[in-house]
Amino acid sequence: MTTTIIASLEKLLDGPRDGALLRYSLGNEYLKAGDFARAASRLREAVERDTGYSAAWKLLGRALSESAQPAEALAAYEQGIAVAEARGDIQAAKEMRVFARRLQRQLQAADGG
């Protein structure tokens, strides 16, 4: 099912409906399919189109984390937290803080300290 949805959404790229939401939706579907690199790419495009899209920042952090890029994931979460707080999206900021703390601990452990 996900591959059918991805194919349908890909057809909309560069058309009149292309935008942050479409890129977010594609990133989400790629994430569900386990294609973390493509998910991260589409989610980066989403936040480039709308830097205030806190849900896209959150999903970007997850995609980067799943693709074993913890430092990049942490940076995405930190940006997402700032965006969410500025928008008053307290729940999203809270969730991203939890993920960011986990990544910070993971990165500290990898550095031996």
C-alpha atoms as a PDB file:
ATOM      1  CA  MET A   1       0.000   0.000   0.000  1.00  0.00           C
ATOM      2  CA  THR A   2       2.763   2.427   0.933  1.00  0.00           C
ATOM      3  CA  THR A   3       4.473   2.018  -2.448  1.00  0.00           C
ATOM      4  CA  THR A   4       1.190   2.881  -4.197  1.00  0.00           C
ATOM      5  CA  ILE A   5       0.816   5.983  -2.044  1.00  0.00           C
ATOM      6  CA  ILE A   6       4.438   6.970  -2.690  1.00  0.00           C
ATOM      7  CA  ALA A   7       3.962   6.603  -6.445  1.00  0.00           C
ATOM      8  CA  SER A   8       0.809   8.737  -6.333  1.00  0.00           C
ATOM      9  CA  LEU A   9       2.480  11.438  -4.258  1.00  0.00           C
ATOM     10  CA  GLU A  10       5.634  11.461  -6.394  1.00  0.00           C
ATOM     11  CA  LYS A  11       3.462  12.281  -9.428  1.00  0.00           C
ATOM     12  CA  LEU A  12       2.367  15.499  -7.693  1.00  0.00           C
ATOM     13  CA  LEU A  13       5.926  16.810  -7.276  1.00  0.00           C
ATOM     14  CA  ASP A  14       6.703  20.016  -9.154  1.00  0.00           C
ATOM     15  CA  GLY A  15       3.005  20.523  -9.848  1.00  0.00           C
ATOM     16  CA  PRO A  16       0.529  23.065  -8.484  1.00  0.00           C
ATOM     17  CA  ARG A  17       0.022  21.048  -5.276  1.00  0.00           C
ATOM     18  CA  ASP A  18       3.732  20.733  -4.506  1.00  0.00           C
ATOM     19  CA  GLY A  19       4.735  22.215  -1.191  1.00  0.00           C
ATOM     20  CA  ALA A  20       5.797  21.462   2.345  1.00  0.00           C
ATOM     21  CA  LEU A  21       2.773  19.257   3.075  1.00  0.00           C
ATOM     22  CA  LEU A  22       3.357  17.078   0.005  1.00  0.00           C
ATOM     23  CA  ARG A  23       7.055  16.697   0.851  1.00  0.00           C
ATOM     24  CA  TYR A  24       6.142  15.908   4.466  1.00  0.00           C
ATOM     25  CA  SER A  25       3.623  13.285   3.335  1.00  0.00           C
ATOM     26  CA  LEU A  26       6.204  11.681   1.051  1.00  0.00           C
ATOM     27  CA  GLY A  27       8.785  11.677   3.826  1.00  0.00           C
ATOM     28  CA  ASN A  28       6.289  10.028   6.145  1.00  0.00           C
ATOM     29  CA  GLU A  29       5.487   7.306   3.605  1.00  0.00           C
ATOM     30  CA  TYR A  30       9.183   6.647   2.924  1.00  0.00           C
ATOM     31  CA  LEU A  31       9.727   6.395   6.680  1.00  0.00           C
ATOM     32  CA  LYS A  32       6.916   3.821   6.934  1.00  0.00           C
ATOM     33  CA  ALA A  33       8.538   1.902   4.065  1.00  0.00           C
ATOM     34  CA  GLY A  34      11.891   1.875   5.866  1.00  0.00           C
ATOM     35  CA  ASP A  35      13.630   4.058   3.259  1.00  0.00           C
ATOM     36  CA  PHE A  36      15.183   6.430   5.772  1.00  0.00           C
ATOM     37  CA  ALA A  37      17.511   8.229   3.356  1.00  0.00           C
ATOM     38  CA  ARG A  38      14.661   9.155   0.991  1.00  0.00           C
ATOM     39  CA  ALA A  39      12.484  10.060   3.958  1.00  0.00           C
ATOM     40  CA  ALA A  40      15.147  12.437   5.268  1.00  0.00           C
ATOM     41  CA  SER A  41      15.600  13.972   1.815  1.00  0.00           C
ATOM     42  CA  ARG A  42      11.882  14.701   1.372  1.00  0.00           C
ATOM     43  CA  LEU A  43      11.558  15.987   4.926  1.00  0.00           C
ATOM     44  CA  ARG A  44      14.516  18.336   4.415  1.00  0.00           C
ATOM     45  CA  GLU A  45      12.690  19.671   1.367  1.00  0.00           C
ATOM     46  CA  ALA A  46       9.561  20.150   3.502  1.00  0.00           C
ATOM     47  CA  VAL A  47      11.374  22.263   6.097  1.00  0.00           C
ATOM     48  CA  GLU A  48      13.135  24.238   3.358  1.00  0.00           C
ATOM     49  CA  ARG A  49       9.713  25.142   1.953  1.00  0.00           C
ATOM     50  CA  ASP A  50       8.258  25.911   5.395  1.00  0.00           C
ATOM     51  CA  THR A  51      10.837  26.456   8.133  1.00  0.00           C
ATOM     52  CA  GLY A  52       8.019  26.769  10.670  1.00  0.00           C
ATOM     53  CA  TYR A  53       6.659  23.249  10.076  1.00  0.00           C
ATOM     54  CA  SER A  54       7.369  21.697  13.478  1.00  0.00           C
ATOM     55  CA  ALA A  55       5.909  18.288  12.574  1.00  0.00           C
ATOM     56  CA  ALA A  56       8.294  18.058   9.616  1.00  0.00           C
ATOM     57  CA  TRP A  57      11.268  18.890  11.855  1.00  0.00           C
ATOM     58  CA  LYS A  58      10.177  16.149  14.256  1.00  0.00           C
ATOM     59  CA  LEU A  59       9.851  13.559  11.491  1.00  0.00           C
ATOM     60  CA  LEU A  60      13.166  14.682   9.954  1.00  0.00           C
ATOM     61  CA  GLY A  61      14.855  14.053  13.294  1.00  0.00           C
ATOM     62  CA  ARG A  62      13.330  10.587  13.402  1.00  0.00           C
ATOM     63  CA  ALA A  63      14.371   9.757   9.827  1.00  0.00           C
ATOM     64  CA  LEU A  64      17.937  10.881  10.489  1.00  0.00           C
ATOM     65  CA  SER A  65      18.032   8.940  13.744  1.00  0.00           C
ATOM     66  CA  GLU A  66      16.757   5.804  11.998  1.00  0.00           C
ATOM     67  CA  SER A  67      19.425   6.196   9.309  1.00  0.00           C
ATOM     68  CA  ALA A  68      22.186   6.229  11.961  1.00  0.00           C
ATOM     69  CA  GLN A  69      22.906   9.953  11.765  1.00  0.00           C
ATOM     70  CA  PRO A  70      22.496  10.913  15.427  1.00  0.00           C
ATOM     71  CA  ALA A  71      24.314  14.269  15.254  1.00  0.00           C
ATOM     72  CA  GLU A  72      22.198  15.388  12.299  1.00  0.00           C
ATOM     73  CA  ALA A  73      19.059  14.092  14.004  1.00  0.00           C
ATOM     74  CA  LEU A  74      19.911  16.047  17.139  1.00  0.00           C
ATOM     75  CA  ALA A  75      20.395  19.217  15.081  1.00  0.00           C
ATOM     76  CA  ALA A  76      16.995  18.677  13.421  1.00  0.00           C
ATOM     77  CA  TYR A  77      15.312  18.163  16.784  1.00  0.00           C
ATOM     78  CA  GLU A  78      16.967  21.264  18.230  1.00  0.00           C
ATOM     79  CA  GLN A  79      15.769  23.346  15.286  1.00  0.00           C
ATOM     80  CA  GLY A  80      12.343  21.755  15.593  1.00  0.00           C
ATOM     81  CA  ILE A  81      12.162  22.588  19.292  1.00  0.00           C
ATOM     82  CA  ALA A  82      12.939  26.238  18.566  1.00  0.00           C
ATOM     83  CA  VAL A  83      10.303  26.328  15.817  1.00  0.00           C
ATOM     84  CA  ALA A  84       7.676  24.581  17.939  1.00  0.00           C
ATOM     85  CA  GLU A  85       8.272  26.887  20.908  1.00  0.00           C
ATOM     86  CA  ALA A  86       8.034  29.965  18.686  1.00  0.00           C
ATOM     87  CA  ARG A  87       4.705  28.700  17.330  1.00  0.00           C
ATOM     88  CA  GLY A  88       3.373  27.725  20.748  1.00  0.00           C
ATOM     89  CA  ASP A  89       3.336  24.044  19.785  1.00  0.00           C
ATOM     90  CA  ILE A  90       4.204  22.887  23.295  1.00  0.00           C
ATOM     91  CA  GLN A  91       3.473  19.174  22.771  1.00  0.00           C
ATOM     92  CA  ALA A  92       5.727  18.898  19.722  1.00  0.00           C
ATOM     93  CA  ALA A  93       8.517  20.731  21.545  1.00  0.00           C
ATOM     94  CA  LYS A  94       8.128  18.418  24.543  1.00  0.00           C
ATOM     95  CA  GLU A  95       8.287  15.283  22.382  1.00  0.00           C
ATOM     96  CA  MET A  96      11.344  16.516  20.476  1.00  0.00           C
ATOM     97  CA  ARG A  97      13.107  17.350  23.758  1.00  0.00           C
ATOM     98  CA  VAL A  98      12.694  13.728  24.848  1.00  0.00           C
ATOM     99  CA  PHE A  99      14.174  12.456  21.572  1.00  0.00           C
ATOM    100  CA  ALA A 100      16.968  15.041  21.689  1.00  0.00           C
ATOM    101  CA  ARG A 101      17.961  14.019  25.228  1.00  0.00           C
ATOM    102  CA  ARG A 102      18.156  10.369  24.143  1.00  0.00           C
ATOM    103  CA  LEU A 103      20.396  11.316  21.239  1.00  0.00           C
ATOM    104  CA  GLN A 104      22.597  13.475  23.456  1.00  0.00           C
ATOM    105  CA  ARG A 105      23.122  10.533  25.801  1.00  0.00           C
ATOM    106  CA  GLN A 106      23.818   8.246  22.838  1.00  0.00           C
ATOM    107  CA  LEU A 107      26.374  10.673  21.411  1.00  0.00           C
ATOM    108  CA  GLN A 108      28.042  11.141  24.796  1.00  0.00           C
ATOM    109  CA  ALA A 109      28.309   7.374  25.265  1.00  0.00           C
ATOM    110  CA  ALA A 110      29.844   7.021  21.800  1.00  0.00           C
ATOM    111  CA  ASP A 111      32.414   9.689  22.710  1.00  0.00           C
ATOM    112  CA  GLY A 112      33.294   7.737  25.831  1.00  0.00           C
ATOM    113  CA  GLY A 113      31.897  10.089  28.331  1.00  0.00           C
END
